[in-house]
Amino acid sequence: MKPDDDAYIGYLVSDVARLMRTVFDRRVRKLGLTRSQWLLLSRLHRRPGASQTELAEMLEVEKASAGRMVDRMERNGWVVRRADATDRRVKRIHLTREAERVHARMWVVAQATVDDALASLSAAERAQLARLMGRAKARLLALANGDAAPAAPPRRRVP
C-alpha cells in the first residue's frame, strides 16, 4: 500500500469520521447547535461531572478554550458548575435538564446519521465492524496509556 492510496485504512478511518461529523454537523445545525456545543453536550452526557481540565482533554482543546465554552453554555442555562466533594478548588460540570432534552433530540439525529452511513451494511457486517473498531480502540487506548508496546514494523521481503 502506498501513502497516497485512498484504500489505506488510516485514511479511510479518518475520512469516515470526518464525513460523519460533517453530515451530523449540518443536521444538528437545524437544532441550533454548533459543533463545539454538540461536542460538549455529548462528552458531558457520557461523563457527567467532569472537571474543566478533563473536559478540555476530552475535547482536545486548551483549558482556557474549554472554560470559555463552559461559560457560554452556563450563561445559556445548559450546564452548571458544582463544587467537587473532595477538592473545593475543582468545579464539576453537569448538564441541566434543558441540555439533556437537547441531547436527546441530538441523539436521534446521531442515530439517523450512523444508520445512513452504514445503510449498505448488513446487521452482521455492522456488528463485525463494531467489534473490530472496538478492538482497535482498545489497542490504541493501551498505547496511549503506555500499557502496550508498539507493534513491530512489518518485514519487507527481499527479492
Protein backbone atom coordinates (compact mmCIF):
# COMPACT_ATOMS: atom_id res chain seq x y z
CA MET A 1 0.00 0.00 0.00
CA LYS A 2 1.33 3.42 -0.95
CA PRO A 3 0.99 6.55 1.21
CA ASP A 4 -1.27 8.15 -1.42
CA ASP A 5 -3.59 5.14 -1.72
CA ASP A 6 -7.21 6.06 -0.83
CA ALA A 7 -7.76 2.49 0.41
CA TYR A 8 -5.18 2.92 3.20
CA ILE A 9 -7.03 2.10 6.44
CA GLY A 10 -5.72 5.19 8.25
CA TYR A 11 -7.16 7.46 5.57
CA LEU A 12 -10.43 5.55 5.46
CA VAL A 13 -10.98 5.75 9.22
CA SER A 14 -10.11 9.44 9.24
CA ASP A 15 -12.27 10.22 6.20
CA VAL A 16 -15.28 8.31 7.54
CA ALA A 17 -15.04 10.08 10.91
CA ARG A 18 -14.67 13.49 9.25
CA LEU A 19 -17.57 12.91 6.86
CA MET A 20 -19.83 11.65 9.65
CA ARG A 21 -19.05 14.79 11.68
CA THR A 22 -19.74 16.96 8.61
CA VAL A 23 -23.12 15.34 7.90
CA PHE A 24 -24.08 15.36 11.58
CA ASP A 25 -22.96 18.99 11.88
CA ARG A 26 -25.29 20.03 9.07
CA ARG A 27 -28.19 18.12 10.56
CA VAL A 28 -27.87 19.43 14.13
CA ARG A 29 -27.41 22.98 12.89
CA LYS A 30 -31.18 22.83 12.32
CA LEU A 31 -31.50 22.33 16.09
CA GLY A 32 -29.43 25.49 16.58
CA LEU A 33 -26.28 23.68 17.74
CA THR A 34 -22.72 24.49 16.80
CA ARG A 35 -20.04 21.79 16.62
CA SER A 36 -18.46 22.91 19.90
CA GLN A 37 -21.87 22.82 21.62
CA TRP A 38 -22.80 19.34 20.46
CA LEU A 39 -19.33 18.04 21.28
CA LEU A 40 -19.53 19.46 24.79
CA LEU A 41 -23.07 18.12 25.27
CA SER A 42 -22.12 14.64 24.13
CA ARG A 43 -18.96 14.49 26.26
CA LEU A 44 -20.73 15.69 29.41
CA HIS A 45 -23.65 13.36 28.81
CA ARG A 46 -21.21 10.44 28.73
CA ARG A 47 -19.10 11.78 31.62
CA PRO A 48 -21.33 13.86 33.91
CA GLY A 49 -19.40 15.81 36.50
CA ALA A 50 -16.20 16.11 34.51
CA SER A 51 -13.85 18.87 35.59
CA GLN A 52 -12.89 21.64 33.19
CA THR A 53 -9.45 20.04 32.79
CA GLU A 54 -10.99 16.66 31.99
CA LEU A 55 -13.40 18.28 29.58
CA ALA A 56 -10.54 20.08 27.81
CA GLU A 57 -8.76 16.74 27.38
CA MET A 58 -11.92 15.07 26.02
CA LEU A 59 -12.49 17.93 23.57
CA GLU A 60 -8.77 18.15 22.72
CA VAL A 61 -8.65 21.89 23.40
CA GLU A 62 -6.76 24.12 25.82
CA LYS A 63 -8.20 24.55 29.31
CA ALA A 64 -8.91 28.23 28.64
CA SER A 65 -10.89 27.37 25.49
CA ALA A 66 -12.89 24.76 27.38
CA GLY A 67 -13.53 27.32 30.12
CA ARG A 68 -14.92 29.83 27.62
CA MET A 69 -17.16 27.15 26.12
CA VAL A 70 -18.45 26.19 29.58
CA ASP A 71 -19.00 29.88 30.42
CA ARG A 72 -21.16 30.33 27.30
CA MET A 73 -23.09 27.12 27.96
CA GLU A 74 -23.61 28.17 31.58
CA ARG A 75 -24.96 31.58 30.51
CA ASN A 76 -27.37 29.77 28.17
CA GLY A 77 -28.59 27.59 31.02
CA TRP A 78 -27.20 24.34 29.61
CA VAL A 79 -24.57 23.50 32.24
CA VAL A 80 -23.99 24.14 35.92
CA ARG A 81 -20.76 24.08 37.86
CA ARG A 82 -20.80 22.32 41.22
CA ALA A 83 -18.07 22.12 43.81
CA ASP A 84 -16.13 18.88 43.96
CA ALA A 85 -16.87 16.89 47.12
CA THR A 86 -13.19 16.37 47.97
CA ASP A 87 -11.37 19.35 46.42
CA ARG A 88 -13.05 22.75 46.68
CA ARG A 89 -10.73 24.18 44.01
CA VAL A 90 -12.32 21.88 41.42
CA LYS A 91 -15.70 22.55 39.86
CA ARG A 92 -17.62 19.65 38.35
CA ILE A 93 -19.67 20.41 35.25
CA HIS A 94 -23.14 18.94 34.80
CA LEU A 95 -25.78 19.24 32.10
CA THR A 96 -29.07 20.89 33.03
CA ARG A 97 -32.44 19.31 32.26
CA GLU A 98 -32.76 21.58 29.23
CA ALA A 99 -29.38 20.40 27.92
CA GLU A 100 -30.41 16.78 28.48
CA ARG A 101 -33.55 17.43 26.40
CA VAL A 102 -31.42 18.94 23.63
CA HIS A 103 -29.06 15.97 23.88
CA ALA A 104 -31.99 13.57 23.45
CA ARG A 105 -33.03 15.39 20.25
CA MET A 106 -29.40 15.43 19.11
CA TRP A 107 -29.12 11.68 19.76
CA VAL A 108 -31.99 10.97 17.35
CA VAL A 109 -30.04 12.87 14.67
CA ALA A 110 -26.85 10.96 15.57
CA GLN A 111 -28.61 7.60 15.25
CA ALA A 112 -30.05 8.59 11.87
CA THR A 113 -26.61 9.73 10.68
CA VAL A 114 -25.00 6.42 11.66
CA ASP A 115 -27.86 4.47 10.10
CA ASP A 116 -27.47 6.45 6.87
CA ALA A 117 -23.69 5.95 6.85
CA LEU A 118 -23.99 2.18 7.38
CA ALA A 119 -27.10 1.60 5.23
CA SER A 120 -25.19 -0.57 2.77
CA LEU A 121 -24.02 -2.95 5.53
CA SER A 122 -25.98 -5.93 6.80
CA ALA A 123 -26.70 -6.31 10.51
CA ALA A 124 -23.92 -8.92 10.74
CA GLU A 125 -21.46 -6.60 8.98
CA ARG A 126 -22.39 -3.74 11.32
CA ALA A 127 -21.82 -5.98 14.34
CA GLN A 128 -18.48 -7.14 12.93
CA LEU A 129 -17.41 -3.56 12.19
CA ALA A 130 -18.32 -2.53 15.75
CA ARG A 131 -16.31 -5.44 17.21
CA LEU A 132 -13.26 -4.72 15.06
CA MET A 133 -13.35 -0.98 15.74
CA GLY A 134 -13.75 -1.73 19.46
CA ARG A 135 -10.62 -3.88 19.37
CA ALA A 136 -8.66 -1.20 17.52
CA LYS A 137 -9.86 1.41 20.03
CA ALA A 138 -8.84 -0.77 22.98
CA ARG A 139 -5.37 -1.23 21.48
CA LEU A 140 -4.98 2.50 20.88
CA LEU A 141 -6.10 3.28 24.44
CA ALA A 142 -3.47 0.85 25.75
CA LEU A 143 -0.83 2.50 23.57
CA ALA A 144 -1.93 5.99 24.65
CA ASN A 145 -1.72 4.96 28.31
CA GLY A 146 1.70 3.34 27.84
CA ASP A 147 0.23 -0.09 28.70
CA ALA A 148 1.27 -1.74 25.44
CA ALA A 149 4.33 -1.94 23.26
CA PRO A 150 4.07 -0.72 19.68
CA ALA A 151 3.77 -3.42 17.04
CA ALA A 152 6.92 -4.44 15.27
CA PRO A 153 7.16 -2.97 11.78
CA PRO A 154 6.27 -5.46 9.03
CA ARG A 155 9.24 -7.23 7.49
CA ARG A 156 9.95 -6.46 3.88
CA ARG A 157 10.62 -9.26 1.51
CA VAL A 158 13.93 -9.17 -0.21
CA PRO A 159 13.58 -10.28 -3.86
